[in-house]
């Protein structure tokens, strides 16, 4: 598949790699050209994200946070993306760019595709599968298509085989009632296709937010310098940006509680419209809550200890409210069916530069922050 063909077929945003970043990779020239001229999907919800290609942060597995515990024999694996469980998608440079995924138990590498170009073709096939009925026949049809692209990728022990049969298992969950049979997907007028997950939620991905989707531009940088044991050994400078880069924007997972498998209620739809129309006011109030939470807890002292001489650079951008927003990246917005004071409670789960394990979570009612803490606060209620 050529870059032009992929760009013509793919209906969504793509993350490409700068030419200077590609040159460090041991790949066939055709794969290098593909990453520069087309790239890979910024997001293929709910399974893949290749957004990091844009940043050029193509870390070696053994030197990355994700690869903690892997020794130098894994140095030839570079991280190019993440799967739906935030496990790294890898290029094996010793094989000129075979693509692998680290398993969720951190014990296996699952073969994905022979090269970047065949990965792109497989992603197109997988996007079609996600829109299908996900029956056994659809699974077999998908694997047949993968087999035509890359025979090894369709074997039982490969990533694609494990992944697609997991979807088949999800689709065999108990059917609802005679009056209301279980519905697996719902077409939302604003969000497009929503899928019903095993948490009794409608789940989709939102690209509609103009402000929420632009928070967090310094989050990964701060996380790297605070948590990476190798940050003293590399040449990267701690240089947080005061303003969000023009191209920085990402999709956000959005869920609607639905214990009875019915579409979002009128109150939930009203909450969604409120989010879309009042983003700036929500963020303005969130800044004060985040600032208080970090400074009044042990997290500020933790940042002081870890950043040491670089702390003044962080303090400089935090003098402006937007500086605090640059440290949090929205992962999920959960619109519950819980009503307080006449309004739906909305939860937010974010990654946070100061806490790479638990993140940040908060709940709001009509813009007022009513609870804040670890990421689970944003969805476990």
Protein backbone atom coordinates (compact mmCIF):
# COMPACT_ATOMS: atom_id res chain seq x y z
CA UNK A 1 0.00 0.00 0.00
CA UNK A 2 1.34 3.43 -0.95
CA UNK A 3 1.08 6.56 1.22
CA UNK A 4 -1.29 8.15 -1.31
CA UNK A 5 -3.58 5.10 -1.32
CA UNK A 6 -3.74 4.99 2.46
CA UNK A 7 -4.49 8.71 2.80
CA UNK A 8 -7.28 8.39 0.23
CA UNK A 9 -8.91 5.42 2.01
CA UNK A 10 -8.42 6.38 5.65
CA UNK A 11 -11.29 8.46 7.00
CA UNK A 12 -9.69 10.16 10.00
CA UNK A 13 -6.65 12.03 11.23
CA UNK A 14 -3.16 10.63 10.64
CA UNK A 15 0.03 11.14 12.63
CA UNK A 16 3.13 11.35 10.45
CA UNK A 17 6.82 11.52 11.35
CA UNK A 18 9.23 14.32 10.58
CA UNK A 19 11.92 13.37 8.10
CA UNK A 20 14.72 13.93 10.61
CA UNK A 21 13.04 11.62 13.13
CA UNK A 22 12.61 8.84 10.56
CA UNK A 23 16.29 8.81 9.69
CA UNK A 24 17.20 7.30 13.04
CA UNK A 25 15.07 4.21 12.28
CA UNK A 26 16.51 1.07 10.70
CA UNK A 27 13.69 0.54 8.18
CA UNK A 28 13.27 -0.06 4.49
CA UNK A 29 13.13 3.23 2.62
CA UNK A 30 9.55 2.45 1.55
CA UNK A 31 8.48 2.30 5.20
CA UNK A 32 10.33 5.52 6.01
CA UNK A 33 8.58 7.25 3.11
CA UNK A 34 5.24 5.89 4.30
CA UNK A 35 5.70 7.30 7.82
CA UNK A 36 6.71 10.71 6.43
CA UNK A 37 4.14 11.04 3.65
CA UNK A 38 1.12 9.38 5.30
CA UNK A 39 1.80 8.16 8.82
CA UNK A 40 -0.56 5.99 10.85
CA UNK A 41 -3.95 6.75 12.45
CA UNK A 42 -3.79 9.21 15.31
CA UNK A 43 -6.46 7.00 16.85
CA UNK A 44 -8.36 3.89 15.84
CA UNK A 45 -10.73 3.67 18.74
CA UNK A 46 -10.77 1.58 20.86
CA UNK A 47 -7.65 -0.39 19.91
CA UNK A 48 -4.82 1.85 18.71
CA UNK A 49 -3.19 5.25 19.00
CA UNK A 50 -0.15 6.37 17.01
CA UNK A 51 -0.17 9.98 18.16
CA UNK A 52 3.39 9.75 19.47
CA UNK A 53 4.68 9.58 15.88
CA UNK A 54 4.08 13.33 15.66
CA UNK A 55 6.30 14.01 18.68
CA UNK A 56 9.24 12.00 17.40
CA UNK A 57 9.44 10.25 20.82
CA UNK A 58 10.26 6.84 19.33
CA UNK A 59 11.92 5.46 22.45
CA UNK A 60 13.78 2.18 22.70
CA UNK A 61 11.71 -0.27 24.76
CA UNK A 62 14.47 -0.93 27.32
CA UNK A 63 14.93 2.82 27.94
CA UNK A 64 11.23 3.67 28.24
CA UNK A 65 8.85 3.88 31.16
CA UNK A 66 6.68 1.24 29.50
CA UNK A 67 9.61 -1.14 29.18
CA UNK A 68 10.72 -1.11 32.79
CA UNK A 69 12.30 -4.48 33.52
CA UNK A 70 13.36 -5.16 29.91
CA UNK A 71 17.12 -5.33 29.42
CA UNK A 72 19.31 -4.17 26.56
CA UNK A 73 18.50 -7.19 24.39
CA UNK A 74 15.22 -5.38 23.69
CA UNK A 75 17.01 -2.19 22.67
CA UNK A 76 16.20 -2.79 18.98
CA UNK A 77 12.46 -2.44 19.66
CA UNK A 78 11.19 1.13 19.24
CA UNK A 79 7.81 2.33 20.50
CA UNK A 80 5.61 3.87 17.79
CA UNK A 81 2.17 3.74 19.44
CA UNK A 82 -0.11 2.13 22.01
CA UNK A 83 -2.89 -0.44 21.87
CA UNK A 84 -6.23 -0.14 23.69
CA UNK A 85 -4.65 -1.24 26.98
CA UNK A 86 -1.85 1.34 26.67
CA UNK A 87 0.64 -1.42 25.83
CA UNK A 88 3.37 -0.32 23.42
CA UNK A 89 3.25 -1.04 19.68
CA UNK A 90 6.82 -1.73 18.60
CA UNK A 91 9.06 -1.75 15.53
CA UNK A 92 11.76 -4.42 15.59
CA UNK A 93 14.69 -2.69 13.92
CA UNK A 94 16.76 -5.90 13.91
CA UNK A 95 14.20 -7.28 11.43
CA UNK A 96 13.96 -4.01 9.47
CA UNK A 97 10.65 -3.03 10.94
CA UNK A 98 8.42 -5.98 11.81
CA UNK A 99 5.62 -4.70 14.07
CA UNK A 100 4.81 -6.18 17.49
CA UNK A 101 2.64 -5.45 20.54
CA UNK A 102 3.70 -6.09 24.13
CA UNK A 103 1.10 -8.32 25.82
CA UNK A 104 -0.90 -7.07 28.78
CA UNK A 105 0.95 -9.42 31.15
CA UNK A 106 4.32 -7.99 29.98
CA UNK A 107 5.46 -11.54 29.22
CA UNK A 108 5.01 -11.89 25.45
CA UNK A 109 5.55 -9.99 22.25
CA UNK A 110 2.63 -10.53 19.88
CA UNK A 111 3.34 -10.37 16.17
CA UNK A 112 1.28 -7.69 14.43
CA UNK A 113 2.57 -7.22 10.87
CA UNK A 114 5.60 -7.61 8.61
CA UNK A 115 6.08 -3.86 8.14
CA UNK A 116 4.43 -0.46 8.47
CA UNK A 117 2.74 -0.65 5.07
CA UNK A 118 1.08 -3.98 5.84
CA UNK A 119 0.08 -2.63 9.25
CA UNK A 120 -1.70 0.25 7.49
CA UNK A 121 -3.59 -2.17 5.24
CA UNK A 122 -4.54 -4.28 8.27
CA UNK A 123 -5.81 -1.23 10.14
CA UNK A 124 -8.15 -0.46 7.24
CA UNK A 125 -9.51 -4.01 7.44
CA UNK A 126 -9.88 -3.75 11.22
CA UNK A 127 -11.76 -0.45 10.96
CA UNK A 128 -14.27 -2.21 8.68
CA UNK A 129 -14.57 -5.08 11.16
CA UNK A 130 -15.37 -2.67 14.01
CA UNK A 131 -18.36 -1.43 12.01
CA UNK A 132 -19.58 -4.97 11.30
CA UNK A 133 -21.98 -7.18 13.23
CA UNK A 134 -18.94 -8.87 14.86
CA UNK A 135 -20.36 -12.33 14.33
CA UNK A 136 -18.23 -15.43 13.85
CA UNK A 137 -18.64 -14.97 10.11
CA UNK A 138 -17.36 -11.38 10.38
CA UNK A 139 -14.35 -12.61 12.38
CA UNK A 140 -13.52 -15.23 9.77
CA UNK A 141 -13.90 -12.69 6.97
CA UNK A 142 -11.56 -10.27 8.76
CA UNK A 143 -8.91 -12.95 9.36
CA UNK A 144 -9.12 -14.02 5.72
CA UNK A 145 -8.42 -10.42 4.71
CA UNK A 146 -5.49 -10.24 7.14
CA UNK A 147 -4.18 -13.54 5.74
CA UNK A 148 -4.13 -12.02 2.26
CA UNK A 149 -2.15 -9.06 3.56
CA UNK A 150 0.26 -10.97 5.82
CA UNK A 151 -0.21 -14.72 6.39
CA UNK A 152 1.76 -14.73 9.66
CA UNK A 153 -0.47 -11.99 11.10
CA UNK A 154 -3.52 -14.28 10.92
CA UNK A 155 -1.99 -17.15 12.90
CA UNK A 156 -3.60 -18.12 16.19
CA UNK A 157 -0.76 -16.75 18.34
CA UNK A 158 -0.70 -13.36 16.55
CA UNK A 159 -2.11 -10.11 17.90
CA UNK A 160 -4.86 -9.85 15.29
CA UNK A 161 -6.23 -13.29 16.05
CA UNK A 162 -6.31 -12.75 19.82
CA UNK A 163 -7.78 -9.29 19.42
CA UNK A 164 -10.63 -10.16 17.06
CA UNK A 165 -11.73 -13.24 19.01
CA UNK A 166 -11.94 -11.07 22.13
CA UNK A 167 -14.54 -9.00 20.30
CA UNK A 168 -16.46 -12.16 19.46
CA UNK A 169 -16.51 -13.09 23.15
CA UNK A 170 -17.81 -9.64 24.06
CA UNK A 171 -20.59 -9.96 21.53
CA UNK A 172 -21.80 -13.21 23.11
CA UNK A 173 -22.71 -11.54 26.41
CA UNK A 174 -26.26 -12.30 27.62
CA UNK A 175 -29.03 -10.83 25.48
CA UNK A 176 -31.39 -8.43 27.23
CA UNK A 177 -35.05 -9.22 27.62
CA UNK A 178 -37.76 -10.19 25.18
CA UNK A 179 -39.11 -6.63 25.30
CA UNK A 180 -35.67 -5.06 25.05
CA UNK A 181 -33.00 -7.24 23.39
CA UNK A 182 -29.42 -6.15 24.01
CA UNK A 183 -28.17 -3.62 21.47
CA UNK A 184 -24.40 -3.60 20.80
CA UNK A 185 -24.10 -0.25 19.08
CA UNK A 186 -25.92 3.03 18.79
CA UNK A 187 -25.59 5.83 16.25
CA UNK A 188 -25.30 9.10 18.14
CA UNK A 189 -26.18 12.27 16.20
CA UNK A 190 -23.03 14.11 17.41
CA UNK A 191 -20.56 11.39 18.32
CA UNK A 192 -21.22 8.79 15.63
CA UNK A 193 -21.06 5.09 16.51
CA UNK A 194 -21.18 4.25 20.23
CA UNK A 195 -20.43 0.70 21.35
CA UNK A 196 -21.95 -0.96 24.42
CA UNK A 197 -19.10 -2.15 26.66
CA UNK A 198 -18.96 -4.72 29.46
CA UNK A 199 -19.25 -1.93 32.07
CA UNK A 200 -22.83 -1.22 30.93
CA UNK A 201 -21.83 1.99 29.20
CA UNK A 202 -22.15 3.45 25.75
CA UNK A 203 -18.59 4.16 24.68
CA UNK A 204 -17.21 6.29 21.87
CA UNK A 205 -14.63 8.87 21.00
CA UNK A 206 -15.17 12.61 20.79
CA UNK A 207 -13.25 14.97 18.52
CA UNK A 208 -15.74 17.79 19.05
CA UNK A 209 -14.10 19.48 22.02
CA UNK A 210 -12.21 22.63 21.08
CA UNK A 211 -10.58 23.29 24.45
CA UNK A 212 -10.60 20.09 26.52
CA UNK A 213 -8.81 18.27 23.68
CA UNK A 214 -5.97 20.80 23.77
CA UNK A 215 -5.03 20.45 27.44
CA UNK A 216 -1.96 18.48 28.49
CA UNK A 217 0.72 19.61 26.06
CA UNK A 218 3.39 19.50 28.80
CA UNK A 219 2.07 16.37 30.56
CA UNK A 220 4.34 13.82 28.88
CA UNK A 221 7.41 16.04 29.21
CA UNK A 222 6.90 16.49 32.95
CA UNK A 223 6.15 12.78 33.40
CA UNK A 224 9.35 11.90 31.55
CA UNK A 225 11.55 14.11 33.71
CA UNK A 226 9.84 13.17 36.96
CA UNK A 227 9.69 9.41 36.46
CA UNK A 228 12.23 8.36 33.86
CA UNK A 229 15.41 7.00 35.41
CA UNK A 230 17.26 7.75 32.17
CA UNK A 231 16.43 11.45 31.92
CA UNK A 232 19.86 12.42 33.23
CA UNK A 233 21.55 10.35 30.54
CA UNK A 234 19.80 11.71 27.49
CA UNK A 235 20.19 15.09 25.87
CA UNK A 236 16.59 16.23 26.20
CA UNK A 237 16.17 19.60 27.85
CA UNK A 238 13.37 20.29 30.28
CA UNK A 239 11.63 23.08 28.38
CA UNK A 240 7.88 23.22 29.11
CA UNK A 241 5.89 25.36 26.69
CA UNK A 242 3.85 28.29 27.97
CA UNK A 243 1.35 28.03 25.11
CA UNK A 244 -0.32 25.08 23.47
CA UNK A 245 1.19 24.19 20.05
CA UNK A 246 -1.14 25.02 17.16
CA UNK A 247 -1.36 21.40 16.00
CA UNK A 248 -1.92 19.88 19.46
CA UNK A 249 -5.35 18.25 19.60
CA UNK A 250 -6.50 14.73 20.49
CA UNK A 251 -9.73 12.71 20.71
CA UNK A 252 -11.25 11.93 24.13
CA UNK A 253 -13.02 8.73 25.15
CA UNK A 254 -16.60 9.45 26.22
CA UNK A 255 -18.97 7.11 28.05
CA UNK A 256 -22.63 7.24 29.01
CA UNK A 257 -23.83 5.12 31.93
CA UNK A 258 -26.58 2.78 30.71
CA UNK A 259 -27.41 0.00 33.18
CA UNK A 260 -30.49 -0.96 31.12
CA UNK A 261 -28.80 -0.80 27.68
CA UNK A 262 -31.03 2.07 26.55
CA UNK A 263 -29.69 5.07 24.60
CA UNK A 264 -28.44 8.13 26.54
CA UNK A 265 -31.25 9.83 28.45
CA UNK A 266 -32.46 13.37 27.82
CA UNK A 267 -30.57 14.48 30.95
CA UNK A 268 -27.34 12.89 29.67
CA UNK A 269 -27.77 14.50 26.26
CA UNK A 270 -28.30 17.83 27.97
CA UNK A 271 -25.06 17.28 29.92
CA UNK A 272 -23.17 16.57 26.70
CA UNK A 273 -24.47 19.77 25.09
CA UNK A 274 -23.47 21.69 28.22
CA UNK A 275 -19.92 20.30 27.95
CA UNK A 276 -19.66 21.34 24.33
CA UNK A 277 -21.02 24.84 24.91
CA UNK A 278 -19.26 25.74 28.16
CA UNK A 279 -15.78 24.22 27.95
CA UNK A 280 -13.95 27.43 28.87
CA UNK A 281 -15.93 28.00 32.07
CA UNK A 282 -15.40 24.38 33.12
CA UNK A 283 -11.64 24.69 32.59
CA UNK A 284 -11.49 28.02 34.43
CA UNK A 285 -13.00 26.44 37.53
CA UNK A 286 -10.92 23.31 37.14
CA UNK A 287 -7.67 25.32 37.25
CA UNK A 288 -8.37 26.50 40.79
CA UNK A 289 -9.31 22.99 41.93
CA UNK A 290 -6.19 21.41 40.39
CA UNK A 291 -3.87 24.08 41.81
CA UNK A 292 -5.31 23.61 45.30
CA UNK A 293 -5.19 19.81 45.01
CA UNK A 294 -1.52 19.70 43.94
CA UNK A 295 -0.18 22.37 46.29
CA UNK A 296 -2.11 21.23 49.37
CA UNK A 297 -1.08 17.59 48.87
CA UNK A 298 2.34 15.96 48.80
CA UNK A 299 2.48 16.25 45.01
CA UNK A 300 4.01 19.71 44.95
CA UNK A 301 6.75 18.64 47.33
CA UNK A 302 7.29 15.58 45.11
CA UNK A 303 7.72 17.79 42.01
CA UNK A 304 10.18 20.00 43.88
CA UNK A 305 12.31 17.00 44.84
CA UNK A 306 12.28 15.36 41.41
CA UNK A 307 12.74 18.41 39.19
CA UNK A 308 15.27 20.13 41.45
CA UNK A 309 17.03 22.80 39.36
CA UNK A 310 14.43 22.59 36.61
CA UNK A 311 11.57 23.52 38.97
CA UNK A 312 11.76 27.29 38.20
CA UNK A 313 10.98 26.51 34.54
CA UNK A 314 7.78 24.77 35.62
CA UNK A 315 6.92 27.53 38.09
CA UNK A 316 7.28 30.09 35.30
CA UNK A 317 4.50 28.56 33.17
CA UNK A 318 2.29 27.91 36.22
CA UNK A 319 2.02 31.65 36.86
CA UNK A 320 -0.67 31.60 34.18
CA UNK A 321 -3.83 29.46 34.64
CA UNK A 322 -3.22 27.69 31.34
CA UNK A 323 0.05 26.36 32.75
CA UNK A 324 -1.86 24.06 35.09
CA UNK A 325 -4.00 22.84 32.21
CA UNK A 326 -0.84 21.94 30.29
CA UNK A 327 -0.11 19.25 32.91
CA UNK A 328 -3.37 17.28 32.58
CA UNK A 329 -4.53 15.32 29.56
CA UNK A 330 -8.17 14.23 29.33
CA UNK A 331 -8.53 10.47 28.81
CA UNK A 332 -12.23 9.89 29.50
CA UNK A 333 -15.40 11.86 30.14
CA UNK A 334 -18.11 9.86 31.89
CA UNK A 335 -21.68 11.13 31.77
CA UNK A 336 -23.46 9.30 34.57
CA UNK A 337 -27.14 8.84 35.37
CA UNK A 338 -26.56 10.19 38.84
CA UNK A 339 -28.60 13.37 39.42
CA UNK A 340 -27.66 15.97 42.03
CA UNK A 341 -29.20 19.41 42.36
CA UNK A 342 -31.24 18.68 39.25
CA UNK A 343 -28.22 18.00 37.00
CA UNK A 344 -26.24 14.99 35.84
CA UNK A 345 -22.90 14.37 37.54
CA UNK A 346 -20.09 14.31 34.96
CA UNK A 347 -16.75 12.66 35.66
CA UNK A 348 -13.34 13.25 34.07
CA UNK A 349 -10.37 10.89 34.10
CA UNK A 350 -7.04 12.50 33.16
CA UNK A 351 -3.38 11.60 32.99
CA UNK A 352 -1.31 13.99 35.11
CA UNK A 353 2.32 15.01 34.85
CA UNK A 354 2.88 14.60 38.58
CA UNK A 355 1.27 11.12 38.94
CA UNK A 356 1.86 8.65 36.13
CA UNK A 357 0.21 5.77 38.01
CA UNK A 358 -3.11 7.12 39.27
CA UNK A 359 -3.63 10.27 37.20
CA UNK A 360 -6.26 12.84 38.12
CA UNK A 361 -10.03 12.49 38.36
CA UNK A 362 -12.77 14.94 39.19
CA UNK A 363 -16.54 15.33 39.08
CA UNK A 364 -18.62 18.38 38.21
CA UNK A 365 -22.22 19.54 38.40
CA UNK A 366 -22.99 22.50 36.13
CA UNK A 367 -19.32 23.49 36.11
CA UNK A 368 -18.76 23.26 39.85
CA UNK A 369 -16.05 20.79 40.89
CA UNK A 370 -17.60 18.61 43.61
CA UNK A 371 -14.83 16.00 44.01
CA UNK A 372 -11.19 15.64 42.94
CA UNK A 373 -8.56 12.96 43.46
CA UNK A 374 -7.07 10.02 41.58
CA UNK A 375 -8.29 9.12 38.09
CA UNK A 376 -10.91 6.68 39.38
CA UNK A 377 -12.83 9.62 40.87
CA UNK A 378 -13.74 10.47 37.28
CA UNK A 379 -15.62 7.27 36.52
CA UNK A 380 -16.05 5.05 39.59
CA UNK A 381 -19.18 6.47 41.17
